[in-house]
Structures are given as structure tokens and as C-alpha cells.
Amino acid sequence: MAKYSSKINKIRSFALSLIFIGFIVMYIGIYFRTSPIIMTIFMLLGLIFIIASTVVYFWIGMLSTKTIQVKCPNCGKPTKMLGRVDMCMYCREPLTLDPNLEGKQFNEDYNHKKESN
């Protein structure tokens, strides 16, 4: 069984991982203290990862203002939906607003436009 999570949480996790990658790259740069040019390259590369994380967080923040907020039928908490199918952010209940998809096996491919099911 595949492990699914909500799209918003996936994107936020990706942005968080960019921050950690940036810090790790910067720490690697500390090992090159004897070569200021290489150290500066690693520091700038780490900074680019952190700036990319900021851009992703801003993008998902703007995207989440356009989501549909629904009440999960399983846990009763309000959750945000992106696309035709999504998962509850709290209990991972499959959610859909498309009546044609009710009762079908959950598949993230339903969010692609080429999928006509």
C-alpha cells in the first residue's frame, strides 16, 4: 500500500528539506577554511538553497490561499484540498469533490488533466 500525504504537506516538507540541505552545504564549506574561494562557493551555494526554500514557502503560501477548505468526514477537522483528489492533512483520509471519483481507489493521477476517468 502506498503512503500518501496531502499535497500542501509534501511541498512544505520539500521546502524544509531545502533549508537543511542549505545548512549542510554551508557546514561543508567550513572544512575549506584554508581556501577562502572554495569556502565562499559552498556558503553561497548553501544560501541559494535557503533562498529557494523561501521561494517555495512563499509559493505554497500563495497557493494555499486558493485552496478549497473542506471538513474531513473521518476526523471532522477542516483541511485544505488541492486538485480533484487529496488527503486529509490530519488523518490521511482520501478526499474528493468530484462525484465521478467517489468510491474509486485513491490515485493521485486523477489530478492530471490527461486522466479522463
C-alpha atoms as a PDB file:
ATOM      1  CA  MET A   1       0.000   0.000   0.000  1.00  0.00           C
ATOM      2  CA  ALA A   2       1.401   3.373  -0.989  1.00  0.00           C
ATOM      3  CA  LYS A   3       1.815   6.015   1.669  1.00  0.00           C
ATOM      4  CA  TYR A   4       0.132   9.259   0.606  1.00  0.00           C
ATOM      5  CA  SER A   5       0.084  12.663   2.251  1.00  0.00           C
ATOM      6  CA  SER A   6      -1.571  15.939   1.407  1.00  0.00           C
ATOM      7  CA  LYS A   7      -0.004  17.929  -1.400  1.00  0.00           C
ATOM      8  CA  ILE A   8       0.473  21.004   0.772  1.00  0.00           C
ATOM      9  CA  ASN A   9       2.365  18.979   3.376  1.00  0.00           C
ATOM     10  CA  LYS A  10       4.567  17.414   0.670  1.00  0.00           C
ATOM     11  CA  ILE A  11       5.570  20.810  -0.671  1.00  0.00           C
ATOM     12  CA  ARG A  12       6.202  22.170   2.833  1.00  0.00           C
ATOM     13  CA  SER A  13       8.381  19.146   3.616  1.00  0.00           C
ATOM     14  CA  PHE A  14      10.343  19.763   0.427  1.00  0.00           C
ATOM     15  CA  ALA A  15      10.911  23.404   1.426  1.00  0.00           C
ATOM     16  CA  LEU A  16      12.062  22.322   4.887  1.00  0.00           C
ATOM     17  CA  SER A  17      14.495  19.847   3.355  1.00  0.00           C
ATOM     18  CA  LEU A  18      15.936  22.663   1.215  1.00  0.00           C
ATOM     19  CA  ILE A  19      16.749  24.576   4.406  1.00  0.00           C
ATOM     20  CA  PHE A  20      18.553  21.595   5.920  1.00  0.00           C
ATOM     21  CA  ILE A  21      20.434  20.937   2.674  1.00  0.00           C
ATOM     22  CA  GLY A  22      21.497  24.583   2.647  1.00  0.00           C
ATOM     23  CA  PHE A  23      22.840  24.376   6.201  1.00  0.00           C
ATOM     24  CA  ILE A  24      24.679  21.121   5.463  1.00  0.00           C
ATOM     25  CA  VAL A  25      26.292  22.635   2.369  1.00  0.00           C
ATOM     26  CA  MET A  26      27.360  25.647   4.445  1.00  0.00           C
ATOM     27  CA  TYR A  27      28.836  23.395   7.137  1.00  0.00           C
ATOM     28  CA  ILE A  28      30.789  21.529   4.465  1.00  0.00           C
ATOM     29  CA  GLY A  29      32.208  24.900   3.463  1.00  0.00           C
ATOM     30  CA  ILE A  30      33.680  25.312   6.951  1.00  0.00           C
ATOM     31  CA  TYR A  31      36.047  22.417   6.244  1.00  0.00           C
ATOM     32  CA  PHE A  32      37.628  24.511   3.492  1.00  0.00           C
ATOM     33  CA  ARG A  33      38.670  27.432   5.735  1.00  0.00           C
ATOM     34  CA  THR A  34      42.156  27.348   4.281  1.00  0.00           C
ATOM     35  CA  SER A  35      40.767  28.107   0.813  1.00  0.00           C
ATOM     36  CA  PRO A  36      38.538  31.193   1.015  1.00  0.00           C
ATOM     37  CA  ILE A  37      37.296  30.820  -2.567  1.00  0.00           C
ATOM     38  CA  ILE A  38      36.028  27.245  -2.097  1.00  0.00           C
ATOM     39  CA  MET A  39      34.550  28.156   1.300  1.00  0.00           C
ATOM     40  CA  THR A  40      32.758  31.139  -0.249  1.00  0.00           C
ATOM     41  CA  ILE A  41      31.383  28.955  -3.044  1.00  0.00           C
ATOM     42  CA  PHE A  42      29.919  26.490  -0.506  1.00  0.00           C
ATOM     43  CA  MET A  43      28.480  29.327   1.599  1.00  0.00           C
ATOM     44  CA  LEU A  44      26.841  30.926  -1.425  1.00  0.00           C
ATOM     45  CA  LEU A  45      25.520  27.563  -2.622  1.00  0.00           C
ATOM     46  CA  GLY A  46      24.003  26.966   0.814  1.00  0.00           C
ATOM     47  CA  LEU A  47      22.475  30.433   0.734  1.00  0.00           C
ATOM     48  CA  ILE A  48      20.924  29.661  -2.665  1.00  0.00           C
ATOM     49  CA  PHE A  49      19.270  26.545  -1.183  1.00  0.00           C
ATOM     50  CA  ILE A  50      17.858  28.615   1.683  1.00  0.00           C
ATOM     51  CA  ILE A  51      16.600  31.310  -0.693  1.00  0.00           C
ATOM     52  CA  ALA A  52      14.992  28.578  -2.840  1.00  0.00           C
ATOM     53  CA  SER A  53      13.266  27.294   0.296  1.00  0.00           C
ATOM     54  CA  THR A  54      11.918  30.774   0.987  1.00  0.00           C
ATOM     55  CA  VAL A  55      10.569  30.984  -2.558  1.00  0.00           C
ATOM     56  CA  VAL A  56       8.879  27.563  -2.212  1.00  0.00           C
ATOM     57  CA  TYR A  57       7.340  28.552   1.148  1.00  0.00           C
ATOM     58  CA  PHE A  58       6.048  31.790  -0.389  1.00  0.00           C
ATOM     59  CA  TRP A  59       4.650  29.893  -3.401  1.00  0.00           C
ATOM     60  CA  ILE A  60       2.823  27.310  -1.272  1.00  0.00           C
ATOM     61  CA  GLY A  61       1.519  30.091   0.947  1.00  0.00           C
ATOM     62  CA  MET A  62       0.016  31.836  -2.058  1.00  0.00           C
ATOM     63  CA  LEU A  63      -1.273  28.527  -3.412  1.00  0.00           C
ATOM     64  CA  SER A  64      -2.921  27.581  -0.123  1.00  0.00           C
ATOM     65  CA  THR A  65      -4.981  30.786  -0.174  1.00  0.00           C
ATOM     66  CA  LYS A  66      -6.680  29.461  -3.334  1.00  0.00           C
ATOM     67  CA  THR A  67      -7.471  26.008  -1.966  1.00  0.00           C
ATOM     68  CA  ILE A  68     -10.868  24.655  -1.082  1.00  0.00           C
ATOM     69  CA  GLN A  69     -11.336  24.096   2.623  1.00  0.00           C
ATOM     70  CA  VAL A  70     -13.433  21.038   3.463  1.00  0.00           C
ATOM     71  CA  LYS A  71     -14.368  19.211   6.637  1.00  0.00           C
ATOM     72  CA  CYS A  72     -12.893  15.716   6.741  1.00  0.00           C
ATOM     73  CA  PRO A  73     -15.632  13.087   7.087  1.00  0.00           C
ATOM     74  CA  ASN A  74     -13.308  10.840   9.131  1.00  0.00           C
ATOM     75  CA  CYS A  75     -11.748  13.148  11.753  1.00  0.00           C
ATOM     76  CA  GLY A  76     -14.050  16.170  11.394  1.00  0.00           C
ATOM     77  CA  LYS A  77     -11.186  18.683  11.132  1.00  0.00           C
ATOM     78  CA  PRO A  78     -11.071  21.338   8.414  1.00  0.00           C
ATOM     79  CA  THR A  79      -8.454  20.540   5.776  1.00  0.00           C
ATOM     80  CA  LYS A  80      -7.359  22.141   2.515  1.00  0.00           C
ATOM     81  CA  MET A  81      -7.706  20.377  -0.831  1.00  0.00           C
ATOM     82  CA  LEU A  82      -5.586  20.902  -3.931  1.00  0.00           C
ATOM     83  CA  GLY A  83      -6.833  19.286  -7.124  1.00  0.00           C
ATOM     84  CA  ARG A  84      -9.582  16.717  -7.692  1.00  0.00           C
ATOM     85  CA  VAL A  85      -8.259  14.302  -5.057  1.00  0.00           C
ATOM     86  CA  ASP A  86      -6.190  14.942  -1.951  1.00  0.00           C
ATOM     87  CA  MET A  87      -5.592  13.517   1.508  1.00  0.00           C
ATOM     88  CA  CYS A  88      -6.709  14.930   4.843  1.00  0.00           C
ATOM     89  CA  MET A  89      -3.786  16.770   6.438  1.00  0.00           C
ATOM     90  CA  TYR A  90      -4.506  15.127   9.798  1.00  0.00           C
ATOM     91  CA  CYS A  91      -5.792  11.571   9.336  1.00  0.00           C
ATOM     92  CA  ARG A  92      -4.812  10.897   5.675  1.00  0.00           C
ATOM     93  CA  GLU A  93      -8.373  10.121   4.628  1.00  0.00           C
ATOM     94  CA  PRO A  94      -8.711  10.212   0.803  1.00  0.00           C
ATOM     95  CA  LEU A  95     -10.880  13.170  -0.204  1.00  0.00           C
ATOM     96  CA  THR A  96     -12.526  14.179  -3.462  1.00  0.00           C
ATOM     97  CA  LEU A  97     -15.073  16.750  -4.565  1.00  0.00           C
ATOM     98  CA  ASP A  98     -15.642  15.028  -7.907  1.00  0.00           C
ATOM     99  CA  PRO A  99     -18.768  12.826  -7.764  1.00  0.00           C
ATOM    100  CA  ASN A 100     -17.360  10.647 -10.586  1.00  0.00           C
ATOM    101  CA  LEU A 101     -14.438   9.589  -8.357  1.00  0.00           C
ATOM    102  CA  GLU A 102     -16.400   8.673  -5.236  1.00  0.00           C
ATOM    103  CA  GLY A 103     -15.902   5.059  -4.269  1.00  0.00           C
ATOM    104  CA  LYS A 104     -12.913   4.578  -6.590  1.00  0.00           C
ATOM    105  CA  GLN A 105      -9.460   3.558  -5.392  1.00  0.00           C
ATOM    106  CA  PHE A 106      -7.429   6.660  -4.421  1.00  0.00           C
ATOM    107  CA  ASN A 107      -4.923   7.603  -7.102  1.00  0.00           C
ATOM    108  CA  GLU A 108      -3.026  10.900  -7.343  1.00  0.00           C
ATOM    109  CA  ASP A 109      -3.092  10.543 -11.144  1.00  0.00           C
ATOM    110  CA  TYR A 110      -6.719  11.758 -11.071  1.00  0.00           C
ATOM    111  CA  ASN A 111      -5.310  15.287 -10.623  1.00  0.00           C
ATOM    112  CA  HIS A 112      -3.664  15.233 -14.063  1.00  0.00           C
ATOM    113  CA  LYS A 113      -5.718  16.745 -16.860  1.00  0.00           C
ATOM    114  CA  LYS A 114      -4.974  13.900 -19.277  1.00  0.00           C
ATOM    115  CA  GLU A 115      -6.771  11.485 -16.903  1.00  0.00           C
ATOM    116  CA  SER A 116     -10.365  11.332 -18.110  1.00  0.00           C
ATOM    117  CA  ASN A 117     -11.742   8.870 -15.513  1.00  0.00           C
END
